[in-house]
Amino acid sequence: MPMISNIHDNSPEFRFILHENNIVLQNGNLPDEQVLRKCLMMNAASDWFAEKELGYAALSLEDESPLPAGCEEVPLRQFFFENSGDERIAGLSARAKTLFAFRRDKRFCSRCGGQLNDDRKFTARYCVKCRKLYFPQLEPAVIVVVRKDDEILLANHLNRNDGVYSCIAGFVEAGESAEHAVHREVLEETGIKVKNLRYIKSQAWPFPDQLMLGFMCEYESGEIKVQQDELRSAGWFSKNQLPKIPSPGSVAYSLINEALNMEA
């Protein structure tokens, strides 16, 4: 596993500057070395690190910090989707976001209260008192598209205010498999029972630390009854009657597109 190193020890191939849930770009591209160092000189960074083995450095701006001259910021989600075809850039930007959250939240040992420092061998933090080692943790979640003849099940989630209808999704709970989570989430949120699960693909989702496991399955039985503390509405939609759906580059878009282009 790579080791966290000082940001000054590298000439990285990629440089990521994050600002809350946005990423800073310079003329539409990742910033150059000069911009990164200017942020450090101006004491505008709340945290920074590099992983030399992976060829990148990352810096997180203070919440109220102004942007470097000649730069702009775009939502990290947008950058993530637009670069989903480049697995290395998309993966490293997701990794940087997740590691900043890990470093922010893991400062003291939950066993003894000792201070946590960066480990010298792994991308991890160790306790200076009891030597317990902490690694970044991912929260696995399932996302599933359900097919019924030539229609798919989509839902408008309460946590979205953009009118988008997407796949059913939820976290894998302790003691259950991803497949069990699919059955449980679809049934809990819509009252629908499913069958013939098939794994399709996964996607890192660093808001802050999810790993989305994408599935496709078939309708078995039941009538839609939405879980009102999770969903506004849900319904069956055909290819010619789709509502607004997630952006290209997302695992949800991939699942929807693949399901609608299969023979019924």
C-alpha atoms as a PDB file:
ATOM      1  CA  MET A   1       0.000   0.000   0.000  1.00  0.00           C
ATOM      2  CA  PRO A   2       1.396   3.468  -0.819  1.00  0.00           C
ATOM      3  CA  MET A   3       2.853   5.690   1.874  1.00  0.00           C
ATOM      4  CA  ILE A   4       1.812   9.273   2.591  1.00  0.00           C
ATOM      5  CA  SER A   5       4.754  11.570   1.953  1.00  0.00           C
ATOM      6  CA  ASN A   6       5.561  15.246   2.151  1.00  0.00           C
ATOM      7  CA  ILE A   7       4.108  17.235  -0.708  1.00  0.00           C
ATOM      8  CA  HIS A   8       7.525  18.864  -1.297  1.00  0.00           C
ATOM      9  CA  ASP A   9       9.239  15.511  -1.925  1.00  0.00           C
ATOM     10  CA  ASN A  10       7.635  14.941  -5.325  1.00  0.00           C
ATOM     11  CA  SER A  11       7.282  16.249  -8.818  1.00  0.00           C
ATOM     12  CA  PRO A  12       3.895  14.574  -9.235  1.00  0.00           C
ATOM     13  CA  GLU A  13       2.208  13.794 -12.513  1.00  0.00           C
ATOM     14  CA  PHE A  14      -1.163  14.926 -11.132  1.00  0.00           C
ATOM     15  CA  ARG A  15      -2.020  17.705  -8.675  1.00  0.00           C
ATOM     16  CA  PHE A  16      -5.450  17.895  -7.043  1.00  0.00           C
ATOM     17  CA  ILE A  17      -6.607  21.007  -5.174  1.00  0.00           C
ATOM     18  CA  LEU A  18      -9.919  20.456  -3.407  1.00  0.00           C
ATOM     19  CA  HIS A  19     -12.140  23.133  -1.898  1.00  0.00           C
ATOM     20  CA  GLU A  20     -14.996  21.694   0.137  1.00  0.00           C
ATOM     21  CA  ASN A  21     -16.856  19.506  -2.429  1.00  0.00           C
ATOM     22  CA  ASN A  22     -15.280  21.255  -5.426  1.00  0.00           C
ATOM     23  CA  ILE A  23     -12.055  20.791  -7.352  1.00  0.00           C
ATOM     24  CA  VAL A  24      -9.876  23.682  -8.510  1.00  0.00           C
ATOM     25  CA  LEU A  25      -8.916  23.783 -12.194  1.00  0.00           C
ATOM     26  CA  GLN A  26      -6.493  25.968 -14.127  1.00  0.00           C
ATOM     27  CA  ASN A  27      -7.680  26.708 -17.666  1.00  0.00           C
ATOM     28  CA  GLY A  28      -9.875  23.617 -17.507  1.00  0.00           C
ATOM     29  CA  ASN A  29      -7.013  21.343 -16.437  1.00  0.00           C
ATOM     30  CA  LEU A  30      -5.455  20.206 -13.191  1.00  0.00           C
ATOM     31  CA  PRO A  31      -3.258  22.951 -11.680  1.00  0.00           C
ATOM     32  CA  ASP A  32       0.451  23.154 -12.329  1.00  0.00           C
ATOM     33  CA  GLU A  33       3.191  22.977  -9.703  1.00  0.00           C
ATOM     34  CA  GLN A  34       3.347  26.758  -9.313  1.00  0.00           C
ATOM     35  CA  VAL A  35      -0.309  27.019  -8.272  1.00  0.00           C
ATOM     36  CA  LEU A  36       0.105  24.237  -5.722  1.00  0.00           C
ATOM     37  CA  ARG A  37       3.143  25.882  -4.145  1.00  0.00           C
ATOM     38  CA  LYS A  38       1.482  29.305  -4.128  1.00  0.00           C
ATOM     39  CA  CYS A  39      -1.360  27.886  -2.050  1.00  0.00           C
ATOM     40  CA  LEU A  40       1.176  26.580   0.461  1.00  0.00           C
ATOM     41  CA  MET A  41       3.112  29.859   0.593  1.00  0.00           C
ATOM     42  CA  MET A  42      -0.107  31.828   1.233  1.00  0.00           C
ATOM     43  CA  ASN A  43      -1.073  29.463   4.089  1.00  0.00           C
ATOM     44  CA  ALA A  44      -4.335  28.815   2.264  1.00  0.00           C
ATOM     45  CA  ALA A  45      -4.274  25.037   2.769  1.00  0.00           C
ATOM     46  CA  SER A  46      -5.904  23.152   5.620  1.00  0.00           C
ATOM     47  CA  ASP A  47      -4.162  19.878   4.716  1.00  0.00           C
ATOM     48  CA  TRP A  48      -1.890  18.455   2.055  1.00  0.00           C
ATOM     49  CA  PHE A  49      -0.108  15.221   1.246  1.00  0.00           C
ATOM     50  CA  ALA A  50       1.366  13.200  -1.602  1.00  0.00           C
ATOM     51  CA  GLU A  51       1.563   9.532  -2.534  1.00  0.00           C
ATOM     52  CA  LYS A  52       4.747   9.337  -4.545  1.00  0.00           C
ATOM     53  CA  GLU A  53       4.169   5.744  -5.605  1.00  0.00           C
ATOM     54  CA  LEU A  54       0.870   6.733  -7.235  1.00  0.00           C
ATOM     55  CA  GLY A  55       2.247   9.888  -8.841  1.00  0.00           C
ATOM     56  CA  TYR A  56      -0.010  12.543  -7.342  1.00  0.00           C
ATOM     57  CA  ALA A  57      -0.165  15.278  -4.721  1.00  0.00           C
ATOM     58  CA  ALA A  58      -3.278  16.723  -3.115  1.00  0.00           C
ATOM     59  CA  LEU A  59      -4.064  19.906  -1.241  1.00  0.00           C
ATOM     60  CA  SER A  60      -7.251  20.960   0.538  1.00  0.00           C
ATOM     61  CA  LEU A  61      -8.008  24.694   0.692  1.00  0.00           C
ATOM     62  CA  GLU A  62      -9.383  26.341   3.808  1.00  0.00           C
ATOM     63  CA  ASP A  63     -13.147  26.812   3.550  1.00  0.00           C
ATOM     64  CA  GLU A  64     -12.992  30.615   3.218  1.00  0.00           C
ATOM     65  CA  SER A  65      -9.780  30.749   1.207  1.00  0.00           C
ATOM     66  CA  PRO A  66      -9.872  32.651  -2.116  1.00  0.00           C
ATOM     67  CA  LEU A  67      -8.991  30.745  -5.258  1.00  0.00           C
ATOM     68  CA  PRO A  68      -5.523  31.111  -6.788  1.00  0.00           C
ATOM     69  CA  ALA A  69      -5.368  33.653  -9.607  1.00  0.00           C
ATOM     70  CA  GLY A  70      -6.340  32.207 -12.977  1.00  0.00           C
ATOM     71  CA  CYS A  71      -8.201  29.270 -11.439  1.00  0.00           C
ATOM     72  CA  GLU A  72     -11.818  28.268 -11.121  1.00  0.00           C
ATOM     73  CA  GLU A  73     -13.625  25.567  -9.215  1.00  0.00           C
ATOM     74  CA  VAL A  74     -16.191  23.055 -10.401  1.00  0.00           C
ATOM     75  CA  PRO A  75     -18.152  20.477  -8.414  1.00  0.00           C
ATOM     76  CA  LEU A  76     -16.058  17.389  -7.818  1.00  0.00           C
ATOM     77  CA  ARG A  77     -19.036  15.264  -8.884  1.00  0.00           C
ATOM     78  CA  GLN A  78     -19.013  17.001 -12.277  1.00  0.00           C
ATOM     79  CA  PHE A  79     -15.253  16.505 -12.653  1.00  0.00           C
ATOM     80  CA  PHE A  80     -15.662  12.907 -11.583  1.00  0.00           C
ATOM     81  CA  PHE A  81     -18.303  12.190 -14.221  1.00  0.00           C
ATOM     82  CA  GLU A  82     -16.503  14.079 -16.995  1.00  0.00           C
ATOM     83  CA  ASN A  83     -13.324  12.078 -16.356  1.00  0.00           C
ATOM     84  CA  SER A  84     -14.955   8.708 -15.711  1.00  0.00           C
ATOM     85  CA  GLY A  85     -13.372   7.382 -18.908  1.00  0.00           C
ATOM     86  CA  ASP A  86      -9.910   8.000 -17.452  1.00  0.00           C
ATOM     87  CA  GLU A  87      -9.859   5.536 -14.589  1.00  0.00           C
ATOM     88  CA  ARG A  88      -6.576   6.813 -13.221  1.00  0.00           C
ATOM     89  CA  ILE A  89      -7.590  10.483 -12.888  1.00  0.00           C
ATOM     90  CA  ALA A  90     -11.091   9.614 -11.658  1.00  0.00           C
ATOM     91  CA  GLY A  91      -9.713   7.091  -9.181  1.00  0.00           C
ATOM     92  CA  LEU A  92      -6.999   9.355  -7.814  1.00  0.00           C
ATOM     93  CA  SER A  93      -9.353  12.321  -7.394  1.00  0.00           C
ATOM     94  CA  ALA A  94     -11.757  10.051  -5.501  1.00  0.00           C
ATOM     95  CA  ARG A  95      -8.886   8.735  -3.400  1.00  0.00           C
ATOM     96  CA  ALA A  96      -7.695  12.229  -2.519  1.00  0.00           C
ATOM     97  CA  LYS A  97     -11.190  13.266  -1.418  1.00  0.00           C
ATOM     98  CA  THR A  98     -11.598  10.164   0.734  1.00  0.00           C
ATOM     99  CA  LEU A  99      -8.153  10.506   2.321  1.00  0.00           C
ATOM    100  CA  PHE A 100      -8.756  14.143   3.258  1.00  0.00           C
ATOM    101  CA  ALA A 101     -11.912  13.071   5.107  1.00  0.00           C
ATOM    102  CA  PHE A 102      -9.999  10.218   6.760  1.00  0.00           C
ATOM    103  CA  ARG A 103      -7.180  12.503   7.894  1.00  0.00           C
ATOM    104  CA  ARG A 104      -9.645  15.099   9.181  1.00  0.00           C
ATOM    105  CA  ASP A 105     -11.687  12.613  11.194  1.00  0.00           C
ATOM    106  CA  LYS A 106      -8.921  10.303  12.440  1.00  0.00           C
ATOM    107  CA  ARG A 107      -6.808  12.494  14.709  1.00  0.00           C
ATOM    108  CA  PHE A 108      -7.020  10.606  17.986  1.00  0.00           C
ATOM    109  CA  CYS A 109      -6.998   6.931  18.899  1.00  0.00           C
ATOM    110  CA  SER A 110     -10.423   5.481  19.747  1.00  0.00           C
ATOM    111  CA  ARG A 111      -8.736   2.925  22.042  1.00  0.00           C
ATOM    112  CA  CYS A 112      -6.556   5.113  24.261  1.00  0.00           C
ATOM    113  CA  GLY A 113      -7.049   8.714  23.112  1.00  0.00           C
ATOM    114  CA  GLY A 114      -3.477   9.108  21.900  1.00  0.00           C
ATOM    115  CA  GLN A 115      -2.532  11.330  18.976  1.00  0.00           C
ATOM    116  CA  LEU A 116      -2.509   9.770  15.511  1.00  0.00           C
ATOM    117  CA  ASN A 117       0.351  10.371  13.078  1.00  0.00           C
ATOM    118  CA  ASP A 118       0.934   9.270   9.480  1.00  0.00           C
ATOM    119  CA  ASP A 119       2.437   5.803   9.288  1.00  0.00           C
ATOM    120  CA  ARG A 120       5.845   5.526   7.612  1.00  0.00           C
ATOM    121  CA  LYS A 121       5.059   2.350   5.687  1.00  0.00           C
ATOM    122  CA  PHE A 122       1.368   2.430   4.757  1.00  0.00           C
ATOM    123  CA  THR A 123      -1.307   4.950   3.870  1.00  0.00           C
ATOM    124  CA  ALA A 124      -2.579   4.750   7.414  1.00  0.00           C
ATOM    125  CA  ARG A 125      -2.381   6.496  10.793  1.00  0.00           C
ATOM    126  CA  TYR A 126      -0.841   5.064  13.950  1.00  0.00           C
ATOM    127  CA  CYS A 127      -1.282   5.892  17.612  1.00  0.00           C
ATOM    128  CA  VAL A 128       1.836   7.312  19.264  1.00  0.00           C
ATOM    129  CA  LYS A 129       0.827   5.721  22.599  1.00  0.00           C
ATOM    130  CA  CYS A 130      -0.590   2.237  21.959  1.00  0.00           C
ATOM    131  CA  ARG A 131       0.677   1.824  18.356  1.00  0.00           C
ATOM    132  CA  LYS A 132      -2.755   0.832  17.019  1.00  0.00           C
ATOM    133  CA  LEU A 133      -2.895   1.249  13.234  1.00  0.00           C
ATOM    134  CA  TYR A 134      -5.868   2.817  11.440  1.00  0.00           C
ATOM    135  CA  PHE A 135      -6.484   2.357   7.710  1.00  0.00           C
ATOM    136  CA  PRO A 136      -8.973   4.292   5.575  1.00  0.00           C
ATOM    137  CA  GLN A 137     -12.321   2.512   5.660  1.00  0.00           C
ATOM    138  CA  LEU A 138     -14.833   2.249   2.836  1.00  0.00           C
ATOM    139  CA  GLU A 139     -18.590   2.005   3.264  1.00  0.00           C
ATOM    140  CA  PRO A 140     -19.953  -0.489   0.692  1.00  0.00           C
ATOM    141  CA  ALA A 141     -23.315   0.373  -0.826  1.00  0.00           C
ATOM    142  CA  VAL A 142     -25.453  -1.345  -3.436  1.00  0.00           C
ATOM    143  CA  ILE A 143     -27.195   0.363  -6.337  1.00  0.00           C
ATOM    144  CA  VAL A 144     -29.624  -1.651  -8.422  1.00  0.00           C
ATOM    145  CA  VAL A 145     -31.726  -1.334 -11.554  1.00  0.00           C
ATOM    146  CA  VAL A 146     -34.819  -3.571 -11.636  1.00  0.00           C
ATOM    147  CA  ARG A 147     -36.213  -4.743 -15.005  1.00  0.00           C
ATOM    148  CA  LYS A 148     -39.843  -5.646 -15.687  1.00  0.00           C
ATOM    149  CA  ASP A 149     -40.390  -6.529 -19.352  1.00  0.00           C
ATOM    150  CA  ASP A 150     -39.288  -3.369 -21.222  1.00  0.00           C
ATOM    151  CA  GLU A 151     -39.506  -1.075 -18.188  1.00  0.00           C
ATOM    152  CA  ILE A 152     -37.193  -0.285 -15.284  1.00  0.00           C
ATOM    153  CA  LEU A 153     -37.864   0.809 -11.706  1.00  0.00           C
ATOM    154  CA  LEU A 154     -36.653   4.336 -10.913  1.00  0.00           C
ATOM    155  CA  ALA A 155     -37.182   6.508  -7.857  1.00  0.00           C
ATOM    156  CA  ASN A 156     -36.963  10.161  -6.893  1.00  0.00           C
ATOM    157  CA  HIS A 157     -35.028  10.288  -3.628  1.00  0.00           C
ATOM    158  CA  LEU A 158     -35.709  12.787  -0.857  1.00  0.00           C
ATOM    159  CA  ASN A 159     -32.019  13.692  -0.646  1.00  0.00           C
ATOM    160  CA  ARG A 160     -32.102  15.032  -4.222  1.00  0.00           C
ATOM    161  CA  ASN A 161     -33.621  18.377  -5.171  1.00  0.00           C
ATOM    162  CA  ASP A 162     -32.849  18.275  -8.897  1.00  0.00           C
ATOM    163  CA  GLY A 163     -35.792  16.214 -10.103  1.00  0.00           C
ATOM    164  CA  VAL A 164     -33.581  13.255 -11.013  1.00  0.00           C
ATOM    165  CA  TYR A 165     -34.979   9.730 -10.912  1.00  0.00           C
ATOM    166  CA  SER A 166     -32.357   7.098 -10.204  1.00  0.00           C
ATOM    167  CA  CYS A 167     -31.828   3.499  -9.155  1.00  0.00           C
ATOM    168  CA  ILE A 168     -32.608   2.129  -5.720  1.00  0.00           C
ATOM    169  CA  ALA A 169     -29.512   2.283  -3.516  1.00  0.00           C
ATOM    170  CA  GLY A 170     -28.484   1.736   0.079  1.00  0.00           C
ATOM    171  CA  PHE A 171     -25.695   0.696   2.402  1.00  0.00           C
ATOM    172  CA  VAL A 172     -24.673  -2.890   3.041  1.00  0.00           C
ATOM    173  CA  GLU A 173     -25.408  -3.584   6.704  1.00  0.00           C
ATOM    174  CA  ALA A 174     -23.275  -5.553   9.139  1.00  0.00           C
ATOM    175  CA  GLY A 175     -23.600  -9.297   8.686  1.00  0.00           C
ATOM    176  CA  GLU A 176     -25.195  -9.271   5.234  1.00  0.00           C
ATOM    177  CA  SER A 177     -23.911  -9.892   1.733  1.00  0.00           C
ATOM    178  CA  ALA A 178     -24.224  -7.370  -1.087  1.00  0.00           C
ATOM    179  CA  GLU A 179     -26.866  -9.615  -2.677  1.00  0.00           C
ATOM    180  CA  HIS A 180     -28.925  -9.667   0.509  1.00  0.00           C
ATOM    181  CA  ALA A 181     -28.644  -5.886   0.691  1.00  0.00           C
ATOM    182  CA  VAL A 182     -30.112  -5.612  -2.828  1.00  0.00           C
ATOM    183  CA  HIS A 183     -33.154  -7.686  -1.893  1.00  0.00           C
ATOM    184  CA  ARG A 184     -33.632  -5.800   1.384  1.00  0.00           C
ATOM    185  CA  GLU A 185     -33.217  -2.272  -0.003  1.00  0.00           C
ATOM    186  CA  VAL A 186     -35.572  -2.767  -2.954  1.00  0.00           C
ATOM    187  CA  LEU A 187     -38.208  -4.356  -0.730  1.00  0.00           C
ATOM    188  CA  GLU A 188     -37.883  -1.743   2.026  1.00  0.00           C
ATOM    189  CA  GLU A 189     -37.967   1.262  -0.278  1.00  0.00           C
ATOM    190  CA  THR A 190     -40.521   0.140  -2.882  1.00  0.00           C
ATOM    191  CA  GLY A 191     -42.299  -3.022  -1.665  1.00  0.00           C
ATOM    192  CA  ILE A 192     -40.984  -4.937  -4.701  1.00  0.00           C
ATOM    193  CA  LYS A 193     -39.429  -8.419  -4.548  1.00  0.00           C
ATOM    194  CA  VAL A 194     -36.674  -9.166  -7.075  1.00  0.00           C
ATOM    195  CA  LYS A 195     -34.910 -12.204  -8.533  1.00  0.00           C
ATOM    196  CA  ASN A 196     -32.008 -13.174 -10.813  1.00  0.00           C
ATOM    197  CA  LEU A 197     -29.446 -10.717  -9.466  1.00  0.00           C
ATOM    198  CA  ARG A 198     -26.422 -10.019 -11.630  1.00  0.00           C
ATOM    199  CA  TYR A 199     -23.408  -7.914 -10.666  1.00  0.00           C
ATOM    200  CA  ILE A 200     -22.583  -5.278 -13.309  1.00  0.00           C
ATOM    201  CA  LYS A 201     -19.871  -2.869 -12.133  1.00  0.00           C
ATOM    202  CA  SER A 202     -18.599  -0.757  -9.240  1.00  0.00           C
ATOM    203  CA  GLN A 203     -17.634   2.873  -8.756  1.00  0.00           C
ATOM    204  CA  ALA A 204     -15.770   4.755  -6.052  1.00  0.00           C
ATOM    205  CA  TRP A 205     -18.018   7.448  -4.624  1.00  0.00           C
ATOM    206  CA  PRO A 206     -15.980   9.699  -2.323  1.00  0.00           C
ATOM    207  CA  PHE A 207     -18.778  11.596  -0.555  1.00  0.00           C
ATOM    208  CA  PRO A 208     -17.115  10.807   1.694  1.00  0.00           C
ATOM    209  CA  ASP A 209     -16.078   7.147   1.395  1.00  0.00           C
ATOM    210  CA  GLN A 210     -18.552   4.908  -0.401  1.00  0.00           C
ATOM    211  CA  LEU A 211     -17.904   2.075  -2.837  1.00  0.00           C
ATOM    212  CA  MET A 212     -20.978   1.619  -5.032  1.00  0.00           C
ATOM    213  CA  LEU A 213     -21.643  -1.984  -6.137  1.00  0.00           C
ATOM    214  CA  GLY A 214     -23.935  -1.992  -9.171  1.00  0.00           C
ATOM    215  CA  PHE A 215     -26.460  -4.785  -9.805  1.00  0.00           C
ATOM    216  CA  MET A 216     -29.193  -5.605 -12.293  1.00  0.00           C
ATOM    217  CA  CYS A 217     -32.117  -7.837 -11.391  1.00  0.00           C
ATOM    218  CA  GLU A 218     -35.621  -8.780 -12.473  1.00  0.00           C
ATOM    219  CA  TYR A 219     -39.021  -8.046 -10.998  1.00  0.00           C
ATOM    220  CA  GLU A 220     -40.557 -10.977  -9.126  1.00  0.00           C
ATOM    221  CA  SER A 221     -43.683  -9.682  -7.380  1.00  0.00           C
ATOM    222  CA  GLY A 222     -45.311  -6.845  -5.505  1.00  0.00           C
ATOM    223  CA  GLU A 223     -46.822  -3.415  -6.060  1.00  0.00           C
ATOM    224  CA  ILE A 224     -44.917  -0.173  -5.583  1.00  0.00           C
ATOM    225  CA  LYS A 225     -45.310   1.290  -2.122  1.00  0.00           C
ATOM    226  CA  VAL A 226     -42.636   3.910  -1.452  1.00  0.00           C
ATOM    227  CA  GLN A 227     -40.816   4.274   1.837  1.00  0.00           C
ATOM    228  CA  GLN A 228     -41.818   7.855   2.559  1.00  0.00           C
ATOM    229  CA  ASP A 229     -38.794   8.767   4.669  1.00  0.00           C
ATOM    230  CA  GLU A 230     -36.513   7.807   1.736  1.00  0.00           C
ATOM    231  CA  LEU A 231     -38.416   8.455  -1.507  1.00  0.00           C
ATOM    232  CA  ARG A 232     -40.774  11.046  -2.966  1.00  0.00           C
ATOM    233  CA  SER A 233     -42.031   8.694  -5.644  1.00  0.00           C
ATOM    234  CA  ALA A 234     -41.145   5.643  -7.709  1.00  0.00           C
ATOM    235  CA  GLY A 235     -42.434   4.092 -10.901  1.00  0.00           C
ATOM    236  CA  TRP A 236     -41.851   1.889 -13.925  1.00  0.00           C
ATOM    237  CA  PHE A 237     -40.395   3.692 -16.948  1.00  0.00           C
ATOM    238  CA  SER A 238     -39.774   2.645 -20.522  1.00  0.00           C
ATOM    239  CA  LYS A 239     -36.958   3.814 -22.781  1.00  0.00           C
ATOM    240  CA  ASN A 240     -39.281   6.273 -24.556  1.00  0.00           C
ATOM    241  CA  GLN A 241     -40.774   7.717 -21.365  1.00  0.00           C
ATOM    242  CA  LEU A 242     -37.770   8.348 -19.152  1.00  0.00           C
ATOM    243  CA  PRO A 243     -37.749  11.097 -16.529  1.00  0.00           C
ATOM    244  CA  LYS A 244     -34.591  13.065 -15.827  1.00  0.00           C
ATOM    245  CA  ILE A 245     -31.886  10.515 -14.975  1.00  0.00           C
ATOM    246  CA  PRO A 246     -28.323  10.716 -13.532  1.00  0.00           C
ATOM    247  CA  SER A 247     -25.460  12.128 -15.582  1.00  0.00           C
ATOM    248  CA  PRO A 248     -23.272  10.058 -17.921  1.00  0.00           C
ATOM    249  CA  GLY A 249     -20.224   8.814 -16.046  1.00  0.00           C
ATOM    250  CA  SER A 250     -22.195   7.685 -13.016  1.00  0.00           C
ATOM    251  CA  VAL A 251     -22.729   4.025 -12.227  1.00  0.00           C
ATOM    252  CA  ALA A 252     -26.486   4.736 -12.118  1.00  0.00           C
ATOM    253  CA  TYR A 253     -26.414   6.000 -15.719  1.00  0.00           C
ATOM    254  CA  SER A 254     -24.489   2.903 -16.806  1.00  0.00           C
ATOM    255  CA  LEU A 255     -26.981   0.576 -15.138  1.00  0.00           C
ATOM    256  CA  ILE A 256     -29.997   2.386 -16.616  1.00  0.00           C
ATOM    257  CA  ASN A 257     -28.486   2.498 -20.090  1.00  0.00           C
ATOM    258  CA  GLU A 258     -27.548  -1.186 -20.056  1.00  0.00           C
ATOM    259  CA  ALA A 259     -30.946  -2.287 -18.724  1.00  0.00           C
ATOM    260  CA  LEU A 260     -32.898  -0.296 -21.328  1.00  0.00           C
ATOM    261  CA  ASN A 261     -30.827  -1.638 -24.207  1.00  0.00           C
ATOM    262  CA  MET A 262     -31.321  -5.291 -23.332  1.00  0.00           C
ATOM    263  CA  GLU A 263     -33.955  -7.377 -25.035  1.00  0.00           C
ATOM    264  CA  ALA A 264     -37.021  -7.867 -22.871  1.00  0.00           C
END
